[in-house]
Protein backbone atom coordinates (compact mmCIF):
# COMPACT_ATOMS: atom_id res chain seq x y z
CA MET A 1 0.05 -0.41 0.04
CA ARG A 2 2.52 2.25 0.67
CA THR A 3 4.58 1.69 -2.40
CA ILE A 4 1.03 2.73 -4.18
CA ILE A 5 0.76 5.95 -2.60
CA VAL A 6 4.20 6.94 -3.22
CA ILE A 7 3.58 6.01 -7.05
CA SER A 8 0.50 7.63 -7.21
CA ALA A 9 1.32 11.16 -5.35
CA ILE A 10 4.21 10.98 -8.09
CA PHE A 11 2.08 10.86 -10.85
CA CYS A 12 -0.78 13.37 -9.30
CA LEU A 13 2.57 15.93 -9.46
CA ALA A 14 3.03 14.84 -12.90
CA ALA A 15 -0.07 14.69 -14.54
CA MET A 16 -0.87 18.22 -12.68
CA GLY A 17 2.65 19.53 -14.14
CA CYS A 18 3.89 20.06 -10.38
CA ALA A 19 7.49 20.11 -10.49
CA LEU A 20 9.47 18.56 -7.55
CA PRO A 21 12.10 21.16 -5.68
CA SER A 22 15.29 21.68 -6.91
CA PRO A 23 18.38 22.46 -4.97
CA PRO A 24 19.10 26.18 -4.56
CA ALA A 25 21.59 28.30 -6.49
CA ALA A 26 25.27 28.84 -4.49
CA PRO A 27 25.06 32.39 -2.48
CA GLY A 28 26.31 35.02 -4.30
CA THR A 29 29.22 37.70 -2.59
CA ILE A 30 30.38 36.57 0.52
CA SER A 31 31.76 40.27 2.50
CA VAL A 32 34.01 39.40 5.36
CA ALA A 33 34.55 41.79 8.22
CA PRO A 34 37.96 41.03 10.44
CA GLY A 35 37.99 41.21 14.40
CA ASP A 36 40.04 40.04 17.13
CA GLY A 37 40.55 36.27 16.31
CA GLN A 38 37.19 36.19 14.10
CA LEU A 39 35.49 36.93 11.18
CA PHE A 40 32.13 38.00 10.51
CA VAL A 41 31.07 36.58 7.42
CA TYR A 42 27.75 38.16 5.40
CA TRP A 43 25.93 37.06 2.42
CA ALA A 44 22.68 37.80 0.23
CA PRO A 45 19.79 35.53 1.22
CA VAL A 46 19.19 32.89 -1.78
CA SER A 47 15.73 31.86 -3.16
CA GLY A 48 14.23 28.67 -2.19
CA ALA A 49 17.66 28.04 0.88
CA THR A 50 15.83 27.14 4.12
CA SER A 51 19.49 27.10 5.69
CA TYR A 52 23.84 27.49 4.52
CA ASP A 53 26.70 25.77 5.66
CA LEU A 54 29.49 27.41 6.02
CA ALA A 55 33.07 26.18 5.54
CA TYR A 56 36.68 27.75 6.36
CA GLY A 57 40.46 27.11 6.18
CA THR A 58 43.61 29.14 5.35
CA GLU A 59 44.34 28.10 1.33
CA ASN A 60 41.79 29.26 -1.33
CA ASP A 61 41.02 25.70 -1.62
CA SER A 62 37.33 24.66 -0.65
CA SER A 63 38.16 21.15 -0.74
CA GLN A 64 40.63 21.17 2.33
CA ALA A 65 37.86 23.64 4.15
CA LEU A 66 36.92 22.78 7.20
CA PRO A 67 33.32 23.35 8.19
CA PHE A 68 31.61 25.70 10.94
CA GLY A 69 29.09 25.20 12.91
CA GLY A 70 25.73 23.59 12.27
CA ALA A 71 23.25 24.61 9.45
CA THR A 72 22.08 28.61 9.79
CA ASP A 73 18.94 29.79 8.81
CA ALA A 74 20.86 33.29 9.36
CA THR A 75 22.66 34.90 6.57
CA HIS A 76 25.64 35.87 8.46
CA ALA A 77 27.94 33.97 10.97
CA LEU A 78 30.69 35.11 13.34
CA ILE A 79 33.73 32.51 12.69
CA THR A 80 35.58 32.48 16.34
CA GLY A 81 39.05 30.97 17.09
CA LEU A 82 41.33 32.51 14.73
CA ALA A 83 44.92 33.02 15.01
CA ASN A 84 45.53 37.10 14.22
CA ASP A 85 47.40 38.07 10.97
CA THR A 86 46.44 34.69 9.08
CA ALA A 87 44.54 35.33 6.46
CA TYR A 88 41.44 33.00 5.79
CA TYR A 89 38.65 31.88 3.52
CA VAL A 90 35.27 31.04 3.59
CA TRP A 91 32.64 29.59 1.19
CA VAL A 92 28.61 29.21 1.87
CA LYS A 93 26.46 26.65 0.56
CA ALA A 94 22.80 26.98 0.09
CA VAL A 95 20.49 24.04 1.61
CA ASN A 96 16.98 23.34 0.99
CA SER A 97 15.04 19.81 1.13
CA ALA A 98 15.93 18.94 -2.34
CA GLY A 99 19.70 18.64 -1.67
CA THR A 100 22.72 21.76 -1.31
CA SER A 101 24.24 23.91 -3.61
CA GLY A 102 27.96 23.95 -4.67
CA PHE A 103 29.91 26.17 -2.48
CA SER A 104 29.80 29.98 -3.17
CA ALA A 105 32.93 32.30 -4.42
CA PRO A 106 35.21 32.38 -1.37
CA GLY A 107 35.25 35.49 0.73
CA SER A 108 38.33 36.34 2.91
CA GLY A 109 40.05 38.34 5.63
CA THR A 110 42.81 38.55 8.23
CA PRO A 111 41.95 38.90 11.51
CA GLN A 112 44.06 41.67 13.76
CA ALA A 113 44.46 42.26 17.07
CA GLY A 114 42.67 45.23 18.38
CA ALA A 115 40.33 44.52 15.43
CA ASN A 116 37.03 44.26 17.40
CA ASP A 117 36.68 47.53 18.21
CA ASN A 118 32.61 48.13 18.18
CA ARG A 119 32.02 49.10 14.93
CA VAL A 120 29.10 49.49 12.89
CA ILE A 121 29.09 47.42 9.76
CA ALA A 122 25.85 46.93 7.22
CA ALA A 123 25.64 43.43 6.67
CA GLY A 124 22.51 42.31 3.92
CA ALA A 125 19.45 44.43 5.33
CA GLU A 126 20.77 45.06 9.10
CA PHE A 127 23.22 46.30 11.44
CA PHE A 128 25.86 44.60 13.47
CA VAL A 129 28.22 45.42 15.75
CA ASP A 130 30.94 42.22 16.57
CA GLY A 131 28.50 39.78 15.13
CA GLU A 132 25.45 41.04 17.23
CA ARG A 133 22.82 42.90 15.59
CA ILE A 134 21.98 46.67 16.36
CA TRP A 135 18.93 49.02 16.10
CA MET A 136 19.77 52.58 15.75
CA ASN A 137 17.58 53.59 18.61
CA GLY A 138 18.69 57.40 17.89
CA CYS A 139 17.39 60.86 17.50
CA ASN A 140 18.63 64.03 15.99
CA THR A 141 20.83 66.37 17.91
CA PRO A 142 21.78 68.58 14.89
CA TRP A 143 23.02 71.57 16.61
CA ASP A 144 23.47 73.17 20.24
CA ASN A 145 24.77 76.38 18.22
CA TRP A 146 23.94 76.74 14.70
CA ASN A 147 27.41 76.00 13.17
CA ASP A 148 28.93 74.98 16.36
CA PHE A 149 32.49 73.36 15.27
CA GLY A 150 34.98 76.37 14.68
CA GLY A 151 31.99 78.30 16.23
CA SER A 152 30.47 78.67 19.12
CA TYR A 153 31.09 74.89 20.48
CA ASP A 154 30.08 74.09 23.94
CA HIS A 155 32.06 71.47 25.77
CA SER A 156 29.58 70.91 28.67
CA PHE A 157 26.26 70.79 26.12
CA TRP A 158 27.43 67.85 24.47
CA ASN A 159 29.01 66.42 27.32
CA ASP A 160 26.26 66.81 29.44
CA HIS A 161 23.29 66.03 26.49
CA TYR A 162 25.08 62.74 25.77
CA THR A 163 25.55 61.57 28.84
CA ALA A 164 21.57 62.07 29.83
CA LEU A 165 20.84 60.64 25.82
CA HIS A 166 22.59 57.67 27.09
CA GLU A 167 21.01 57.30 30.27
CA ASN A 168 17.73 57.40 28.34
CA GLY A 169 18.16 54.20 25.87
CA VAL A 170 19.96 56.88 23.01
CA ASN A 171 22.63 54.95 21.08
CA ASP A 172 22.67 56.87 18.35
CA SER A 173 22.70 60.91 17.38
CA ARG A 174 22.67 63.00 14.15
CA VAL A 175 24.87 65.87 14.14
CA TRP A 176 25.33 68.75 11.59
CA ILE A 177 28.80 69.16 11.48
CA THR A 178 28.61 72.46 8.65
CA CYS A 179 25.07 73.87 8.77
CA SER A 180 25.16 76.65 6.42
CA GLY A 181 28.83 76.41 5.06
CA GLU A 182 29.78 79.90 6.63
CA VAL A 183 31.77 78.38 9.53
CA GLY A 184 34.72 75.96 9.84
CA ILE A 185 35.15 74.98 5.93
CA ILE A 186 37.19 77.33 4.11
CA ILE A 187 35.98 77.76 0.45
CA ASP A 188 36.82 80.70 -1.55
CA THR A 189 34.30 82.56 -3.35
CA ASN A 190 35.50 80.64 -6.66
CA GLY A 191 34.33 77.30 -5.10
CA HIS A 192 37.84 75.81 -4.19
CA VAL A 193 37.97 74.02 -0.56
CA SER A 194 41.58 74.48 0.91
CA GLY A 195 40.65 72.67 4.12
CA ALA A 196 38.86 73.73 7.93
CA THR A 197 40.06 76.13 10.47
CA ALA A 198 42.20 75.40 13.17
CA ALA A 199 39.44 75.98 15.32
CA HIS A 200 37.01 73.95 13.77
CA TRP A 201 39.43 70.47 14.00
CA THR A 202 40.06 71.56 17.71
CA ASP A 203 36.27 71.49 18.31
CA LEU A 204 35.87 68.50 16.52
CA ASP A 205 38.24 66.78 18.61
CA ASP A 206 36.86 67.05 21.96
CA PHE A 207 33.15 66.23 20.23
CA PHE A 208 34.19 63.04 19.12
CA ALA A 209 35.91 62.28 21.93
CA THR A 210 33.08 63.48 23.85
CA ALA A 211 31.07 61.19 22.04
CA GLU A 212 33.17 57.90 22.61
CA SER A 213 33.14 58.26 26.30
CA THR A 214 29.68 58.75 26.60
CA GLY A 215 28.44 56.20 24.45
CA VAL A 216 26.63 58.08 21.80
CA ARG A 217 27.74 56.32 18.44
CA VAL A 218 27.76 60.02 15.84
CA MET A 219 25.94 60.15 11.85
CA ALA A 220 28.32 62.87 10.93
CA THR A 221 25.82 65.14 8.25
CA LEU A 222 28.72 67.11 6.48
CA MET A 223 26.39 69.87 5.21
CA SER A 224 22.56 70.70 4.12
CA PHE A 225 20.81 72.23 1.20
CA ASP A 226 21.29 75.40 3.41
CA HIS A 227 24.72 75.82 1.96
CA PHE A 228 22.89 76.43 -1.63
CA LYS A 229 20.08 78.99 -0.16
CA ASP A 230 20.15 82.33 -0.96
CA THR A 231 19.64 83.56 2.99
CA TYR A 232 23.05 82.37 3.70
CA THR A 233 26.28 84.10 2.89
CA LYS A 234 28.46 81.74 1.16
CA TYR A 235 25.73 80.22 -0.71
CA GLN A 236 27.59 81.45 -4.17
CA ASN A 237 30.77 79.83 -2.87
CA TRP A 238 29.12 76.56 -2.56
CA ARG A 239 27.13 76.45 -5.90
CA ASN A 240 30.04 77.35 -7.47
CA TRP A 241 31.85 74.20 -5.60
CA ILE A 242 29.20 71.62 -6.62
CA ASN A 243 29.12 72.83 -10.14
CA SER A 244 32.91 72.11 -10.81
CA ASP A 245 34.39 68.38 -10.84
CA ALA A 246 38.06 69.77 -9.55
CA ASN A 247 36.50 72.22 -6.81
CA ILE A 248 34.17 68.92 -5.66
CA GLU A 249 37.94 67.08 -5.79
CA SER A 250 39.29 69.72 -3.50
CA TYR A 251 36.84 69.42 -1.00
CA ILE A 252 37.58 65.60 -0.90
CA THR A 253 41.83 65.73 -1.00
CA ASN A 254 41.16 68.99 1.38
CA TYR A 255 38.64 68.53 3.84
CA LEU A 256 36.71 64.75 3.50
CA ILE A 257 39.98 62.48 3.88
CA PRO A 258 41.85 64.52 6.19
CA PHE A 259 38.20 64.47 8.65
CA CYS A 260 37.91 60.73 7.45
CA THR A 261 41.42 59.49 8.89
CA ARG A 262 41.05 62.19 12.39
CA TYR A 263 37.99 60.85 13.31
CA GLY A 264 37.97 57.01 11.43
CA GLY A 265 39.52 55.84 14.48
CA TYR A 266 36.65 56.08 16.73
CA SER A 267 33.65 54.17 16.44
CA SER A 268 32.05 56.58 17.44
CA LEU A 269 31.71 57.89 14.34
CA TRP A 270 29.45 54.88 12.78
CA ALA A 271 28.03 56.68 9.93
CA ILE A 272 28.83 60.07 7.62
CA ASP A 273 25.72 61.61 5.70
CA LEU A 274 27.07 63.23 3.34
CA THR A 275 24.29 65.59 2.44
CA ASN A 276 20.91 66.75 4.60
CA GLU A 277 17.99 66.80 2.20
CA PRO A 278 19.42 67.94 -1.24
CA ASP A 279 16.04 67.49 -2.70
CA TRP A 280 15.70 71.16 -1.58
CA ALA A 281 18.64 72.43 -3.31
CA THR A 282 17.51 70.69 -6.97
CA ASN A 283 16.43 72.43 -9.90
CA THR A 284 13.19 69.70 -9.66
CA GLU A 285 11.92 71.20 -6.02
CA GLY A 286 13.01 74.93 -6.32
CA GLY A 287 16.29 74.66 -5.57
CA THR A 288 19.51 75.99 -8.71
CA ILE A 289 21.38 72.51 -8.62
CA ASP A 290 20.73 69.66 -11.28
CA TRP A 291 20.56 66.40 -9.27
CA ALA A 292 24.05 64.95 -11.33
CA ARG A 293 26.35 67.29 -9.45
CA PHE A 294 25.02 66.01 -6.52
CA GLN A 295 25.46 62.18 -7.12
CA GLN A 296 28.85 63.46 -9.01
CA PHE A 297 29.88 64.32 -5.12
CA TRP A 298 28.79 61.32 -3.67
CA ALA A 299 29.90 59.15 -6.09
CA LYS A 300 33.45 60.71 -5.50
CA ALA A 301 33.22 61.28 -1.84
CA SER A 302 31.41 57.43 -1.00
CA LYS A 303 34.83 56.16 -2.65
CA ALA A 304 37.04 58.41 -0.70
CA ILE A 305 35.14 57.19 2.60
CA HIS A 306 35.44 53.59 1.53
CA GLU A 307 39.11 53.84 0.40
CA ASN A 308 40.25 55.75 3.95
CA SER A 309 37.90 54.49 6.43
CA ARG A 310 35.89 51.89 7.70
CA ILE A 311 32.94 54.46 8.51
CA LEU A 312 29.76 54.12 6.91
CA VAL A 313 27.53 55.89 3.98
CA THR A 314 24.27 57.57 3.27
CA VAL A 315 22.45 60.39 1.94
CA GLY A 316 19.50 62.08 3.92
CA ILE A 317 17.19 62.36 1.34
CA ALA A 318 13.83 63.96 2.14
CA VAL A 319 11.19 62.75 0.13
CA ILE A 320 11.47 58.84 -0.26
CA LYS A 321 10.00 59.50 -3.93
CA TYR A 322 13.82 60.15 -4.21
CA ASN A 323 15.19 57.21 -2.53
CA SER A 324 12.73 54.38 -4.51
CA ASP A 325 12.35 53.06 -7.93
CA ALA A 326 8.37 52.34 -6.76
CA ALA A 327 5.41 52.94 -9.41
CA GLY A 328 4.74 56.49 -9.35
CA ASN A 329 8.16 57.18 -7.87
CA VAL A 330 10.99 59.36 -9.72
CA GLU A 331 13.87 57.14 -8.84
CA ASN A 332 16.11 56.11 -6.30
CA LYS A 333 19.09 59.47 -6.62
CA VAL A 334 21.54 57.77 -4.89
CA SER A 335 20.75 53.49 -6.07
CA ASP A 336 24.56 51.77 -6.48
CA ALA A 337 23.42 52.35 -10.73
CA ALA A 338 22.94 56.32 -9.63
CA LEU A 339 25.96 57.14 -8.27
CA ARG A 340 28.50 55.01 -10.68
CA ALA A 341 26.85 56.25 -13.81
CA GLN A 342 29.03 59.02 -11.83
CA LEU A 343 31.78 57.31 -11.68
CA ASN A 344 32.33 53.24 -12.39
CA ASP A 345 33.58 51.69 -9.42
CA LEU A 346 33.46 49.31 -6.71
CA LYS A 347 33.61 51.57 -3.41
CA VAL A 348 30.93 53.94 -4.95
CA HIS A 349 27.72 53.17 -3.44
CA LEU A 350 26.33 54.13 -0.01
CA ASP A 351 26.05 51.52 2.42
CA PHE A 352 22.44 52.02 3.43
CA TYR A 353 19.28 54.36 2.83
CA SER A 354 18.08 57.35 5.46
CA PRO A 355 15.45 58.83 4.15
CA HIS A 356 12.99 61.35 6.37
CA TYR A 357 9.51 61.66 6.89
CA TYR A 358 7.17 65.01 7.97
CA PRO A 359 3.25 64.65 8.52
CA TRP A 360 2.70 67.29 4.93
CA MET A 361 4.52 63.44 3.54
CA GLU A 362 1.13 61.56 3.58
CA LEU A 363 -0.95 63.74 1.29
CA TRP A 364 1.32 61.66 -1.30
CA TRP A 365 2.94 58.93 1.00
CA GLU A 366 2.26 56.61 3.63
CA ILE A 367 3.62 56.71 7.42
CA PRO A 368 6.67 55.09 7.29
CA PHE A 369 6.48 53.70 10.49
CA TYR A 370 3.59 51.34 9.50
CA VAL A 371 5.22 50.31 6.05
CA THR A 372 8.03 48.39 5.37
CA PRO A 373 10.80 49.69 3.13
CA ALA A 374 10.28 46.86 0.43
CA ALA A 375 6.49 48.80 0.04
CA TYR A 376 7.97 51.53 -0.63
CA GLY A 377 9.88 50.59 -3.49
CA MET A 378 13.18 50.92 -1.26
CA ASP A 379 16.30 48.54 -2.38
CA THR A 380 16.03 46.02 0.61
CA SER A 381 19.72 44.38 0.32
CA LYS A 382 21.15 47.32 2.20
CA PRO A 383 19.34 48.63 5.76
CA CYS A 384 17.03 51.20 5.83
CA LEU A 385 16.36 53.79 8.76
CA ILE A 386 14.04 56.95 9.08
CA GLY A 387 16.57 59.58 9.45
CA GLU A 388 14.27 62.41 10.51
CA ASN A 389 10.63 62.52 12.02
CA PRO A 390 8.97 64.40 14.58
CA ALA A 391 9.74 63.24 18.14
CA THR A 392 6.10 64.67 18.89
CA GLY A 393 5.00 61.46 16.85
CA SER A 394 3.51 60.62 13.45
CA THR A 395 -0.43 61.70 13.58
CA GLY A 396 -2.59 59.27 15.35
CA HIS A 397 0.37 57.31 17.28
CA THR A 398 2.80 57.94 19.65
CA LEU A 399 6.25 57.81 18.77
CA THR A 400 6.64 54.25 21.04
CA GLN A 401 4.37 53.09 18.65
CA ASP A 402 6.27 54.74 15.87
CA PHE A 403 8.83 53.23 17.38
CA GLU A 404 7.84 49.65 17.53
CA SER A 405 6.13 49.66 14.29
CA ALA A 406 9.05 50.53 12.65
CA PHE A 407 11.21 48.00 13.91
CA ALA A 408 8.32 45.54 13.36
CA ASN A 409 8.67 46.95 9.28
CA GLY A 410 11.94 46.38 8.74
CA TRP A 411 13.35 49.52 9.50
CA GLN A 412 16.98 49.14 10.98
CA GLY A 413 16.62 52.76 13.19
CA VAL A 414 14.34 55.96 13.69
CA GLN A 415 16.16 59.64 14.47
CA PRO A 416 13.88 61.76 15.53
CA TRP A 417 13.99 65.32 15.29
CA THR A 418 15.41 66.36 17.87
CA SER A 419 16.59 65.68 21.03
CA ASN A 420 17.25 69.40 22.30
CA GLY A 421 14.58 70.91 21.21
CA VAL A 422 15.55 73.23 18.46
CA ASP A 423 12.14 73.78 17.24
CA GLY A 424 8.28 72.92 17.24
CA ASN A 425 8.95 68.92 16.51
CA GLY A 426 9.52 68.44 19.72
CA GLY A 427 12.41 67.41 22.11
CA PHE A 428 14.55 65.45 25.03
CA ALA A 429 10.41 65.41 26.63
CA GLU A 430 8.94 64.13 24.03
CA LEU A 431 11.60 61.44 22.97
CA THR A 432 13.19 59.72 25.68
CA PRO A 433 9.92 57.54 26.77
CA ALA A 434 9.67 56.06 23.33
CA THR A 435 13.89 55.35 23.22
CA ASN A 436 13.16 54.39 27.13
CA GLU A 437 10.69 51.59 26.17
CA PHE A 438 11.74 50.41 23.11
CA TYR A 439 15.34 49.62 25.30
CA THR A 440 13.58 47.91 27.88
CA ASN A 441 11.80 45.54 25.40
CA HIS A 442 14.77 45.29 23.13
CA PRO A 443 17.85 45.66 25.23
CA THR A 444 20.79 43.92 23.48
CA LEU A 445 19.49 45.04 19.94
CA VAL A 446 20.23 49.01 21.61
CA PHE A 447 23.06 48.67 23.46
CA PRO A 448 24.69 44.95 22.41
CA ASN A 449 27.09 42.55 24.80
């Protein structure tokens, strides 16, 4: 009877045109981040795979590789117990009920003493620190005094405020390094950047040391659409800057690379946001700058950051339609393809996306906390977080509800505007109930062990 049932089932599948399961394809590119005596490995999900097997070795030969652990349904793994200063190769196979794929192409990395530096990395659609997932339970602290660094910088404010934020579950603060381009950066009327003032560097030295000591990670926003507005004194300098390839390169050579090499050793500097809400400076939104000029800057800047540091890179797009390829939206102005059309190099890319939300946007787009990034047509092969939103909460919801729903829908962090009440969108009193509640519910996601 058992044989008849099996034969009948096979006949039924054949008669109905049903296909038996096939083994999955091999995983694609394997990314490896070295640590102290360990390697953090991650890869893209494989369609139809239910688990993965890892192998590693010191020779670029998968037939000599040793298995690591057992089957895992995650798309990342931490391989421990390795020798420092020794190159290792890693392979991954995908598995399902029909069989196992061949090995992926190898990834490689070399563990080094002291490399476990508490640094955030982007792995697939999530963030990790030393192999543990982290969710950015964050905020915007854009400035204490407009153009702080090289201007009216106050150590006591940043030290006291960051200490209080950390005590209230905040692990991430987005800060504007220059607000309008009038202080700190040395730029001439032609748009050539020759560096920064001594006061700018001195203030930043203190700021990043303070962030490191208080345990608050910093997303450093280097410039804003304000630089290009004619309400500020150096707007024409900055328009001349963005419209010249040579001027862009002067900024990268004389400011951006020194910024990365000077502060890239701080794990508290986890990300650089190249431009705050560039949308409002473009000629599609009432400004004067063509999107291609910003894309030229972002392409060159992302390459320079990736070559000179391990700092992650993003752009704080204001309106979701410019960060999405969904039907009805314009296009993803910061996609790999868009940036590499300006400079074709594998180091040209953003590491994650960070669009903004305010209630006026609901006329055209939904409230993002209650929608997945995929529903917006975003590239979900990278982490997506909400870079700005009112600390007073979204329409009809508390900020606490916004945080939990964002987490449930696959966003990798929320950064309310602001932690220090710079305008009418809320401040510390509105922010901290949400960050405390999220920390209470997910302590190891906020401050990984």
